[in-house]
């Protein structure tokens, strides 16, 4: 497997600084958002990245989503940009209705 393919199919790990916000209303609905930026690693890849995520929770469903962007270098010295985004939604009955993660590399 090429270094590019391994990095694009592997797990992107971001280590750095983050900010987390949480809001809860009187009905118990909640919203959590966060941003993290720092160094990024994946199989044969090192670089810098930023990611945003959010979780919304109410009596009807739970929605989790994220976006991450990384720019760096592969072990062979070539450059690579990684973009990941995804969503996971669960209904009030506990049934997953959306499960999606997309990775684009260039």
Protein backbone atom coordinates (compact mmCIF):
# COMPACT_ATOMS: atom_id res chain seq x y z
CA UNK A 1 0.00 0.00 0.00
CA UNK A 2 1.34 3.45 -0.88
CA UNK A 3 2.08 6.01 1.84
CA UNK A 4 -0.64 8.29 0.42
CA UNK A 5 -3.28 5.57 0.50
CA UNK A 6 -2.29 4.44 4.01
CA UNK A 7 -2.58 8.01 5.37
CA UNK A 8 -5.92 8.60 3.64
CA UNK A 9 -7.45 5.36 4.88
CA UNK A 10 -6.04 5.51 8.40
CA UNK A 11 -7.02 7.40 11.52
CA UNK A 12 -6.13 11.11 11.69
CA UNK A 13 -4.97 12.04 15.21
CA UNK A 14 -4.76 15.71 16.25
CA UNK A 15 -2.84 16.68 19.40
CA UNK A 16 -2.88 20.30 20.51
CA UNK A 17 -5.03 23.00 22.04
CA UNK A 18 -8.80 23.05 22.10
CA UNK A 19 -11.84 25.01 23.18
CA UNK A 20 -15.13 23.45 24.30
CA UNK A 21 -18.53 25.15 24.69
CA UNK A 22 -21.71 23.66 26.17
CA UNK A 23 -25.25 25.01 26.43
CA UNK A 24 -28.22 23.32 28.15
CA UNK A 25 -31.75 24.78 28.11
CA UNK A 26 -34.60 24.27 30.60
CA UNK A 27 -35.96 21.32 28.59
CA UNK A 28 -32.66 19.50 28.98
CA UNK A 29 -31.66 19.92 25.32
CA UNK A 30 -27.93 20.38 24.96
CA UNK A 31 -25.42 21.64 22.44
CA UNK A 32 -21.70 21.01 22.67
CA UNK A 33 -19.16 22.37 20.19
CA UNK A 34 -15.41 22.24 20.16
CA UNK A 35 -12.39 23.22 18.11
CA UNK A 36 -8.91 21.73 18.32
CA UNK A 37 -5.73 22.68 16.46
CA UNK A 38 -2.25 21.27 16.58
CA UNK A 39 0.01 18.58 15.23
CA UNK A 40 -1.53 15.83 13.12
CA UNK A 41 -0.43 12.25 12.49
CA UNK A 42 -1.75 9.41 10.38
CA UNK A 43 -0.04 6.34 8.91
CA UNK A 44 3.17 7.75 7.38
CA UNK A 45 1.92 11.35 7.68
CA UNK A 46 2.86 14.29 9.92
CA UNK A 47 1.59 17.85 9.74
CA UNK A 48 -0.74 20.47 11.22
CA UNK A 49 -4.52 20.27 11.53
CA UNK A 50 -7.66 21.95 12.79
CA UNK A 51 -10.94 20.21 13.60
CA UNK A 52 -14.42 21.28 14.67
CA UNK A 53 -17.09 19.05 16.18
CA UNK A 54 -20.60 19.43 17.49
CA UNK A 55 -23.16 17.38 19.39
CA UNK A 56 -26.84 18.27 19.64
CA UNK A 57 -29.07 16.29 22.00
CA UNK A 58 -32.83 16.57 22.56
CA UNK A 59 -35.86 14.33 23.10
CA UNK A 60 -36.10 13.61 19.36
CA UNK A 61 -32.52 12.68 18.43
CA UNK A 62 -28.81 13.02 19.00
CA UNK A 63 -26.62 14.42 16.21
CA UNK A 64 -22.80 14.28 16.20
CA UNK A 65 -20.78 15.85 13.39
CA UNK A 66 -17.23 16.94 12.67
CA UNK A 67 -14.91 18.48 10.09
CA UNK A 68 -11.11 18.16 10.10
CA UNK A 69 -8.45 19.55 7.76
CA UNK A 70 -4.77 18.65 7.84
CA UNK A 71 -1.77 19.66 5.74
CA UNK A 72 1.54 17.88 6.00
CA UNK A 73 4.19 15.58 4.61
CA UNK A 74 4.24 11.87 3.87
CA UNK A 75 7.14 9.62 4.83
CA UNK A 76 8.37 9.79 1.19
CA UNK A 77 8.64 13.62 1.41
CA UNK A 78 5.60 14.45 -0.72
CA UNK A 79 2.93 16.83 0.55
CA UNK A 80 -0.63 15.80 1.38
CA UNK A 81 -3.88 17.54 2.38
CA UNK A 82 -6.49 15.52 4.27
CA UNK A 83 -10.13 16.59 4.69
CA UNK A 84 -12.50 14.50 6.82
CA UNK A 85 -16.11 15.13 7.66
CA UNK A 86 -18.80 13.02 9.18
CA UNK A 87 -22.13 12.71 10.92
CA UNK A 88 -23.72 10.17 13.26
CA UNK A 89 -27.40 10.59 14.11
CA UNK A 90 -29.49 8.46 16.48
CA UNK A 91 -33.30 8.66 16.74
CA UNK A 92 -35.24 8.93 20.01
CA UNK A 93 -35.71 5.14 19.76
CA UNK A 94 -31.94 4.61 19.80
CA UNK A 95 -31.79 3.66 16.11
CA UNK A 96 -28.88 5.07 14.05
CA UNK A 97 -30.38 6.98 11.11
CA UNK A 98 -27.20 8.49 9.65
CA UNK A 99 -23.68 7.09 9.86
CA UNK A 100 -21.23 8.77 7.50
CA UNK A 101 -17.52 9.59 7.44
CA UNK A 102 -15.88 10.91 4.27
CA UNK A 103 -12.16 11.39 3.73
CA UNK A 104 -10.71 13.32 0.78
CA UNK A 105 -6.99 13.49 0.13
CA UNK A 106 -5.11 15.62 -2.35
